[in-house]
Amino acid sequence: MNKVIAVKANDDFSLDLKFVDGSVKRFDVKPYLDRGVFRELKDLHYFNKVSVAFGTVQWPNEQDISPETLYLDGLPLCESSFG
C-alpha cells in the first residue's frame, strides 16, 4: 500500500498529496461532497483542516478517504508543484 506522507488542501476542493514512494498526485474531492459524511467538507474552512493520519488523509470529524483511492484516482503532478 502506498501511504500518504504529506497533504495540501486547495481552494478548488482538491488535495495535493505526496506518497511514500515519492510520487505526487492531485485528488479531486468534489465528486464526494454530496455524499453522506463528506457533505461537511463543502465548507472550505473545514476542508482546509485536512491532515495526514494513519497513512491517509483525515479531517477533524474523522472523514477519510482510503490511500488506495487517493493513489489510483489521483492525477500525477511534478514534485516541484507540491506545496
PDB file of N, CA and C in Angstrom:
ATOM      1  N   MET A   1       0.850  -1.184   0.000  1.00  0.00           N
ATOM      2  CA  MET A   1       0.000   0.000   0.000  1.00  0.00           C
ATOM      3  C   MET A   1       0.892   1.242   0.000  1.00  0.00           C
ATOM      4  N   ASN A   2       0.517   2.225  -0.795  1.00  0.00           N
ATOM      5  CA  ASN A   2       1.260   3.462  -0.897  1.00  0.00           C
ATOM      6  C   ASN A   2       0.660   4.482   0.065  1.00  0.00           C
ATOM      7  N   LYS A   3       1.343   4.789   1.130  1.00  0.00           N
ATOM      8  CA  LYS A   3       0.811   5.677   2.164  1.00  0.00           C
ATOM      9  C   LYS A   3       1.064   7.141   1.841  1.00  0.00           C
ATOM     10  N   VAL A   4       0.130   7.987   2.279  1.00  0.00           N
ATOM     11  CA  VAL A   4       0.258   9.437   2.147  1.00  0.00           C
ATOM     12  C   VAL A   4       1.204   9.924   3.242  1.00  0.00           C
ATOM     13  N   ILE A   5       2.171  10.782   2.863  1.00  0.00           N
ATOM     14  CA  ILE A   5       3.080  11.344   3.860  1.00  0.00           C
ATOM     15  C   ILE A   5       2.948  12.861   3.983  1.00  0.00           C
ATOM     16  N   ALA A   6       2.238  13.505   3.025  1.00  0.00           N
ATOM     17  CA  ALA A   6       2.012  14.949   3.106  1.00  0.00           C
ATOM     18  C   ALA A   6       0.767  15.288   2.300  1.00  0.00           C
ATOM     19  N   VAL A   7       0.039  16.320   2.760  1.00  0.00           N
ATOM     20  CA  VAL A   7      -1.175  16.756   2.067  1.00  0.00           C
ATOM     21  C   VAL A   7      -1.269  18.275   2.116  1.00  0.00           C
ATOM     22  N   LYS A   8      -1.799  18.835   1.043  1.00  0.00           N
ATOM     23  CA  LYS A   8      -2.087  20.266   0.972  1.00  0.00           C
ATOM     24  C   LYS A   8      -3.462  20.421   0.346  1.00  0.00           C
ATOM     25  N   ALA A   9      -4.363  21.134   1.027  1.00  0.00           N
ATOM     26  CA  ALA A   9      -5.703  21.394   0.502  1.00  0.00           C
ATOM     27  C   ALA A   9      -5.659  22.595  -0.435  1.00  0.00           C
ATOM     28  N   ASN A  10      -6.421  22.516  -1.510  1.00  0.00           N
ATOM     29  CA  ASN A  10      -6.528  23.603  -2.476  1.00  0.00           C
ATOM     30  C   ASN A  10      -7.928  24.199  -2.442  1.00  0.00           C
ATOM     31  N   ASP A  11      -8.054  25.459  -2.859  1.00  0.00           N
ATOM     32  CA  ASP A  11      -9.337  26.160  -2.815  1.00  0.00           C
ATOM     33  C   ASP A  11     -10.381  25.596  -3.772  1.00  0.00           C
ATOM     34  N   ASP A  12      -9.973  24.733  -4.698  1.00  0.00           N
ATOM     35  CA  ASP A  12     -10.925  24.124  -5.634  1.00  0.00           C
ATOM     36  C   ASP A  12     -11.396  22.746  -5.145  1.00  0.00           C
ATOM     37  N   PHE A  13     -11.218  22.476  -3.850  1.00  0.00           N
ATOM     38  CA  PHE A  13     -11.621  21.208  -3.236  1.00  0.00           C
ATOM     39  C   PHE A  13     -10.851  20.018  -3.814  1.00  0.00           C
ATOM     40  N   SER A  14      -9.588  20.250  -4.089  1.00  0.00           N
ATOM     41  CA  SER A  14      -8.694  19.156  -4.457  1.00  0.00           C
ATOM     42  C   SER A  14      -7.594  19.076  -3.408  1.00  0.00           C
ATOM     43  N   LEU A  15      -6.906  17.957  -3.388  1.00  0.00           N
ATOM     44  CA  LEU A  15      -5.808  17.737  -2.463  1.00  0.00           C
ATOM     45  C   LEU A  15      -4.545  17.430  -3.246  1.00  0.00           C
ATOM     46  N   ASP A  16      -3.451  18.066  -2.882  1.00  0.00           N
ATOM     47  CA  ASP A  16      -2.147  17.695  -3.403  1.00  0.00           C
ATOM     48  C   ASP A  16      -1.538  16.749  -2.384  1.00  0.00           C
ATOM     49  N   LEU A  17      -1.104  15.596  -2.854  1.00  0.00           N
ATOM     50  CA  LEU A  17      -0.671  14.515  -1.983  1.00  0.00           C
ATOM     51  C   LEU A  17       0.726  14.054  -2.340  1.00  0.00           C
ATOM     52  N   LYS A  18       1.523  13.771  -1.331  1.00  0.00           N
ATOM     53  CA  LYS A  18       2.826  13.153  -1.535  1.00  0.00           C
ATOM     54  C   LYS A  18       2.761  11.775  -0.888  1.00  0.00           C
ATOM     55  N   PHE A  19       3.233  10.781  -1.628  1.00  0.00           N
ATOM     56  CA  PHE A  19       3.172   9.402  -1.169  1.00  0.00           C
ATOM     57  C   PHE A  19       4.559   8.904  -0.788  1.00  0.00           C
ATOM     58  N   VAL A  20       4.601   7.840  -0.016  1.00  0.00           N
ATOM     59  CA  VAL A  20       5.844   7.281   0.488  1.00  0.00           C
ATOM     60  C   VAL A  20       6.796   6.861  -0.638  1.00  0.00           C
ATOM     61  N   ASP A  21       6.257   6.531  -1.806  1.00  0.00           N
ATOM     62  CA  ASP A  21       7.125   6.147  -2.929  1.00  0.00           C
ATOM     63  C   ASP A  21       7.715   7.357  -3.654  1.00  0.00           C
ATOM     64  N   GLY A  22       7.376   8.575  -3.164  1.00  0.00           N
ATOM     65  CA  GLY A  22       7.896   9.802  -3.759  1.00  0.00           C
ATOM     66  C   GLY A  22       6.990  10.426  -4.806  1.00  0.00           C
ATOM     67  N   SER A  23       5.947   9.720  -5.210  1.00  0.00           N
ATOM     68  CA  SER A  23       5.041  10.286  -6.209  1.00  0.00           C
ATOM     69  C   SER A  23       4.194  11.394  -5.589  1.00  0.00           C
ATOM     70  N   VAL A  24       3.784  12.332  -6.435  1.00  0.00           N
ATOM     71  CA  VAL A  24       2.958  13.467  -6.037  1.00  0.00           C
ATOM     72  C   VAL A  24       1.737  13.473  -6.955  1.00  0.00           C
ATOM     73  N   LYS A  25       0.559  13.558  -6.341  1.00  0.00           N
ATOM     74  CA  LYS A  25      -0.681  13.498  -7.117  1.00  0.00           C
ATOM     75  C   LYS A  25      -1.685  14.518  -6.609  1.00  0.00           C
ATOM     76  N   ARG A  26      -2.627  14.867  -7.492  1.00  0.00           N
ATOM     77  CA  ARG A  26      -3.752  15.739  -7.122  1.00  0.00           C
ATOM     78  C   ARG A  26      -5.027  14.907  -7.183  1.00  0.00           C
ATOM     79  N   PHE A  27      -5.786  14.953  -6.093  1.00  0.00           N
ATOM     80  CA  PHE A  27      -7.035  14.203  -5.987  1.00  0.00           C
ATOM     81  C   PHE A  27      -8.195  15.184  -5.873  1.00  0.00           C
ATOM     82  N   ASP A  28      -9.182  15.043  -6.750  1.00  0.00           N
ATOM     83  CA  ASP A  28     -10.361  15.905  -6.761  1.00  0.00           C
ATOM     84  C   ASP A  28     -11.412  15.348  -5.796  1.00  0.00           C
ATOM     85  N   VAL A  29     -11.730  16.105  -4.763  1.00  0.00           N
ATOM     86  CA  VAL A  29     -12.700  15.659  -3.761  1.00  0.00           C
ATOM     87  C   VAL A  29     -14.128  16.056  -4.144  1.00  0.00           C
ATOM     88  N   LYS A  30     -14.306  16.950  -5.114  1.00  0.00           N
ATOM     89  CA  LYS A  30     -15.639  17.453  -5.471  1.00  0.00           C
ATOM     90  C   LYS A  30     -16.690  16.359  -5.691  1.00  0.00           C
ATOM     91  N   PRO A  31     -16.368  15.247  -6.363  1.00  0.00           N
ATOM     92  CA  PRO A  31     -17.399  14.216  -6.564  1.00  0.00           C
ATOM     93  C   PRO A  31     -17.934  13.603  -5.259  1.00  0.00           C
ATOM     94  N   TYR A  32     -17.231  13.785  -4.169  1.00  0.00           N
ATOM     95  CA  TYR A  32     -17.635  13.210  -2.879  1.00  0.00           C
ATOM     96  C   TYR A  32     -18.463  14.165  -2.026  1.00  0.00           C
ATOM     97  N   LEU A  33     -18.495  15.453  -2.378  1.00  0.00           N
ATOM     98  CA  LEU A  33     -19.042  16.480  -1.487  1.00  0.00           C
ATOM     99  C   LEU A  33     -20.538  16.368  -1.223  1.00  0.00           C
ATOM    100  N   ASP A  34     -21.282  15.655  -2.037  1.00  0.00           N
ATOM    101  CA  ASP A  34     -22.720  15.493  -1.816  1.00  0.00           C
ATOM    102  C   ASP A  34     -23.058  14.127  -1.214  1.00  0.00           C
ATOM    103  N   ARG A  35     -22.050  13.423  -0.734  1.00  0.00           N
ATOM    104  CA  ARG A  35     -22.253  12.069  -0.198  1.00  0.00           C
ATOM    105  C   ARG A  35     -22.076  12.039   1.316  1.00  0.00           C
ATOM    106  N   GLY A  36     -23.114  11.640   2.011  1.00  0.00           N
ATOM    107  CA  GLY A  36     -23.064  11.343   3.443  1.00  0.00           C
ATOM    108  C   GLY A  36     -22.167  12.230   4.277  1.00  0.00           C
ATOM    109  N   VAL A  37     -21.207  11.615   4.952  1.00  0.00           N
ATOM    110  CA  VAL A  37     -20.337  12.319   5.886  1.00  0.00           C
ATOM    111  C   VAL A  37     -19.452  13.361   5.202  1.00  0.00           C
ATOM    112  N   PHE A  38     -19.276  13.255   3.885  1.00  0.00           N
ATOM    113  CA  PHE A  38     -18.411  14.189   3.173  1.00  0.00           C
ATOM    114  C   PHE A  38     -19.068  15.548   2.920  1.00  0.00           C
ATOM    115  N   ARG A  39     -20.379  15.672   3.161  1.00  0.00           N
ATOM    116  CA  ARG A  39     -21.067  16.953   2.944  1.00  0.00           C
ATOM    117  C   ARG A  39     -20.438  18.079   3.766  1.00  0.00           C
ATOM    118  N   GLU A  40     -19.947  17.752   4.922  1.00  0.00           N
ATOM    119  CA  GLU A  40     -19.314  18.747   5.791  1.00  0.00           C
ATOM    120  C   GLU A  40     -18.080  19.379   5.131  1.00  0.00           C
ATOM    121  N   LEU A  41     -17.481  18.678   4.181  1.00  0.00           N
ATOM    122  CA  LEU A  41     -16.281  19.178   3.504  1.00  0.00           C
ATOM    123  C   LEU A  41     -16.583  20.321   2.545  1.00  0.00           C
ATOM    124  N   LYS A  42     -17.863  20.583   2.278  1.00  0.00           N
ATOM    125  CA  LYS A  42     -18.241  21.709   1.413  1.00  0.00           C
ATOM    126  C   LYS A  42     -17.845  23.053   2.019  1.00  0.00           C
ATOM    127  N   ASP A  43     -17.654  23.083   3.311  1.00  0.00           N
ATOM    128  CA  ASP A  43     -17.186  24.293   3.992  1.00  0.00           C
ATOM    129  C   ASP A  43     -15.672  24.361   3.784  1.00  0.00           C
ATOM    130  N   LEU A  44     -15.211  25.323   2.974  1.00  0.00           N
ATOM    131  CA  LEU A  44     -13.794  25.396   2.614  1.00  0.00           C
ATOM    132  C   LEU A  44     -12.898  25.540   3.845  1.00  0.00           C
ATOM    133  N   HIS A  45     -13.369  26.279   4.845  1.00  0.00           N
ATOM    134  CA  HIS A  45     -12.580  26.427   6.079  1.00  0.00           C
ATOM    135  C   HIS A  45     -12.357  25.051   6.726  1.00  0.00           C
ATOM    136  N   TYR A  46     -13.403  24.244   6.779  1.00  0.00           N
ATOM    137  CA  TYR A  46     -13.286  22.898   7.332  1.00  0.00           C
ATOM    138  C   TYR A  46     -12.447  22.003   6.419  1.00  0.00           C
ATOM    139  N   PHE A  47     -12.675  22.094   5.107  1.00  0.00           N
ATOM    140  CA  PHE A  47     -11.917  21.291   4.142  1.00  0.00           C
ATOM    141  C   PHE A  47     -10.413  21.493   4.322  1.00  0.00           C
ATOM    142  N   ASN A  48     -10.025  22.730   4.592  1.00  0.00           N
ATOM    143  CA  ASN A  48      -8.609  23.068   4.749  1.00  0.00           C
ATOM    144  C   ASN A  48      -7.984  22.492   6.018  1.00  0.00           C
ATOM    145  N   LYS A  49      -8.765  21.903   6.884  1.00  0.00           N
ATOM    146  CA  LYS A  49      -8.249  21.306   8.124  1.00  0.00           C
ATOM    147  C   LYS A  49      -7.789  19.857   7.932  1.00  0.00           C
ATOM    148  N   VAL A  50      -7.650  19.435   6.697  1.00  0.00           N
ATOM    149  CA  VAL A  50      -7.204  18.073   6.398  1.00  0.00           C
ATOM    150  C   VAL A  50      -5.791  17.854   6.941  1.00  0.00           C
ATOM    151  N   SER A  51      -5.521  16.631   7.353  1.00  0.00           N
ATOM    152  CA  SER A  51      -4.183  16.274   7.836  1.00  0.00           C
ATOM    153  C   SER A  51      -3.897  14.825   7.455  1.00  0.00           C
ATOM    154  N   VAL A  52      -2.648  14.448   7.614  1.00  0.00           N
ATOM    155  CA  VAL A  52      -2.249  13.057   7.378  1.00  0.00           C
ATOM    156  C   VAL A  52      -2.460  12.279   8.672  1.00  0.00           C
ATOM    157  N   ALA A  53      -3.111  11.130   8.551  1.00  0.00           N
ATOM    158  CA  ALA A  53      -3.329  10.259   9.713  1.00  0.00           C
ATOM    159  C   ALA A  53      -3.358   8.816   9.241  1.00  0.00           C
ATOM    160  N   PHE A  54      -2.560   7.986   9.857  1.00  0.00           N
ATOM    161  CA  PHE A  54      -2.569   6.546   9.576  1.00  0.00           C
ATOM    162  C   PHE A  54      -2.329   6.227   8.103  1.00  0.00           C
ATOM    163  N   GLY A  55      -1.493   7.008   7.439  1.00  0.00           N
ATOM    164  CA  GLY A  55      -1.142   6.746   6.053  1.00  0.00           C
ATOM    165  C   GLY A  55      -2.126   7.243   5.021  1.00  0.00           C
ATOM    166  N   THR A  56      -3.115   8.007   5.460  1.00  0.00           N
ATOM    167  CA  THR A  56      -4.081   8.583   4.527  1.00  0.00           C
ATOM    168  C   THR A  56      -4.418   9.996   4.986  1.00  0.00           C
ATOM    169  N   VAL A  57      -5.478  10.582   4.426  1.00  0.00           N
ATOM    170  CA  VAL A  57      -5.908  11.917   4.848  1.00  0.00           C
ATOM    171  C   VAL A  57      -7.130  11.792   5.742  1.00  0.00           C
ATOM    172  N   GLN A  58      -7.253  12.756   6.649  1.00  0.00           N
ATOM    173  CA  GLN A  58      -8.379  12.732   7.579  1.00  0.00           C
ATOM    174  C   GLN A  58      -8.720  14.157   7.975  1.00  0.00           C
ATOM    175  N   TRP A  59     -10.009  14.402   8.223  1.00  0.00           N
ATOM    176  CA  TRP A  59     -10.484  15.690   8.720  1.00  0.00           C
ATOM    177  C   TRP A  59     -10.848  15.544  10.189  1.00  0.00           C
ATOM    178  N   PRO A  60     -11.051  16.667  10.907  1.00  0.00           N
ATOM    179  CA  PRO A  60     -11.280  16.606  12.357  1.00  0.00           C
ATOM    180  C   PRO A  60     -12.429  15.698  12.805  1.00  0.00           C
ATOM    181  N   ASN A  61     -13.483  15.588  12.020  1.00  0.00           N
ATOM    182  CA  ASN A  61     -14.601  14.725  12.409  1.00  0.00           C
ATOM    183  C   ASN A  61     -14.451  13.315  11.837  1.00  0.00           C
ATOM    184  N   GLU A  62     -13.221  12.958  11.500  1.00  0.00           N
ATOM    185  CA  GLU A  62     -12.806  11.617  11.095  1.00  0.00           C
ATOM    186  C   GLU A  62     -13.271  11.163   9.716  1.00  0.00           C
ATOM    187  N   GLN A  63     -13.671  12.103   8.843  1.00  0.00           N
ATOM    188  CA  GLN A  63     -13.873  11.713   7.455  1.00  0.00           C
ATOM    189  C   GLN A  63     -12.504  11.345   6.899  1.00  0.00           C
ATOM    190  N   ASP A  64     -12.465  10.302   6.095  1.00  0.00           N
ATOM    191  CA  ASP A  64     -11.209   9.927   5.462  1.00  0.00           C
ATOM    192  C   ASP A  64     -11.482   9.274   4.118  1.00  0.00           C
ATOM    193  N   ILE A  65     -10.440   9.166   3.324  1.00  0.00           N
ATOM    194  CA  ILE A  65     -10.501   8.526   2.007  1.00  0.00           C
ATOM    195  C   ILE A  65      -9.346   7.535   1.972  1.00  0.00           C
ATOM    196  N   SER A  66      -9.608   6.348   1.482  1.00  0.00           N
ATOM    197  CA  SER A  66      -8.569   5.315   1.515  1.00  0.00           C
ATOM    198  C   SER A  66      -7.349   5.748   0.701  1.00  0.00           C
ATOM    199  N   PRO A  67      -6.169   5.383   1.175  1.00  0.00           N
ATOM    200  CA  PRO A  67      -4.962   5.749   0.431  1.00  0.00           C
ATOM    201  C   PRO A  67      -4.928   5.115  -0.957  1.00  0.00           C
ATOM    202  N   GLU A  68      -5.543   3.954  -1.118  1.00  0.00           N
ATOM    203  CA  GLU A  68      -5.588   3.310  -2.432  1.00  0.00           C
ATOM    204  C   GLU A  68      -6.386   4.157  -3.415  1.00  0.00           C
ATOM    205  N   THR A  69      -7.532   4.680  -2.962  1.00  0.00           N
ATOM    206  CA  THR A  69      -8.360   5.548  -3.817  1.00  0.00           C
ATOM    207  C   THR A  69      -7.602   6.813  -4.175  1.00  0.00           C
ATOM    208  N   LEU A  70      -6.955   7.423  -3.190  1.00  0.00           N
ATOM    209  CA  LEU A  70      -6.197   8.642  -3.442  1.00  0.00           C
ATOM    210  C   LEU A  70      -5.103   8.404  -4.471  1.00  0.00           C
ATOM    211  N   TYR A  71      -4.419   7.277  -4.356  1.00  0.00           N
ATOM    212  CA  TYR A  71      -3.304   6.968  -5.246  1.00  0.00           C
ATOM    213  C   TYR A  71      -3.792   6.607  -6.650  1.00  0.00           C
ATOM    214  N   LEU A  72      -4.769   5.731  -6.736  1.00  0.00           N
ATOM    215  CA  LEU A  72      -5.234   5.259  -8.045  1.00  0.00           C
ATOM    216  C   LEU A  72      -6.002   6.321  -8.820  1.00  0.00           C
ATOM    217  N   ASP A  73      -6.771   7.161  -8.128  1.00  0.00           N
ATOM    218  CA  ASP A  73      -7.594   8.166  -8.802  1.00  0.00           C
ATOM    219  C   ASP A  73      -6.931   9.540  -8.864  1.00  0.00           C
ATOM    220  N   GLY A  74      -5.799   9.701  -8.205  1.00  0.00           N
ATOM    221  CA  GLY A  74      -5.085  10.974  -8.246  1.00  0.00           C
ATOM    222  C   GLY A  74      -4.370  11.163  -9.568  1.00  0.00           C
ATOM    223  N   LEU A  75      -4.275  12.415  -9.996  1.00  0.00           N
ATOM    224  CA  LEU A  75      -3.577  12.746 -11.233  1.00  0.00           C
ATOM    225  C   LEU A  75      -2.142  13.137 -10.903  1.00  0.00           C
ATOM    226  N   PRO A  76      -1.172  12.595 -11.619  1.00  0.00           N
ATOM    227  CA  PRO A  76       0.238  12.889 -11.326  1.00  0.00           C
ATOM    228  C   PRO A  76       0.570  14.372 -11.446  1.00  0.00           C
ATOM    229  N   LEU A  77       1.382  14.835 -10.517  1.00  0.00           N
ATOM    230  CA  LEU A  77       1.937  16.188 -10.529  1.00  0.00           C
ATOM    231  C   LEU A  77       3.444  16.067 -10.488  1.00  0.00           C
ATOM    232  N   CYS A  78       4.125  17.105 -10.907  1.00  0.00           N
ATOM    233  CA  CYS A  78       5.573  17.085 -10.737  1.00  0.00           C
ATOM    234  C   CYS A  78       5.897  17.480  -9.300  1.00  0.00           C
ATOM    235  N   GLU A  79       6.979  16.967  -8.797  1.00  0.00           N
ATOM    236  CA  GLU A  79       7.394  17.183  -7.403  1.00  0.00           C
ATOM    237  C   GLU A  79       7.428  18.662  -7.040  1.00  0.00           C
ATOM    238  N   SER A  80       7.888  19.511  -7.936  1.00  0.00           N
ATOM    239  CA  SER A  80       8.035  20.933  -7.629  1.00  0.00           C
ATOM    240  C   SER A  80       6.700  21.647  -7.467  1.00  0.00           C
ATOM    241  N   SER A  81       5.591  21.052  -7.914  1.00  0.00           N
ATOM    242  CA  SER A  81       4.295  21.704  -7.784  1.00  0.00           C
ATOM    243  C   SER A  81       3.639  21.437  -6.427  1.00  0.00           C
ATOM    244  N   PHE A  82       4.252  20.580  -5.614  1.00  0.00           N
ATOM    245  CA  PHE A  82       3.684  20.295  -4.305  1.00  0.00           C
ATOM    246  C   PHE A  82       4.050  21.382  -3.319  1.00  0.00           C
ATOM    247  N   GLY A  83       3.004  21.910  -2.654  1.00  0.00           N
ATOM    248  CA  GLY A  83       3.148  22.839  -1.550  1.00  0.00           C
ATOM    249  C   GLY A  83       3.947  24.032  -1.823  1.00  0.00           C
TER     250      GLY A  83
END
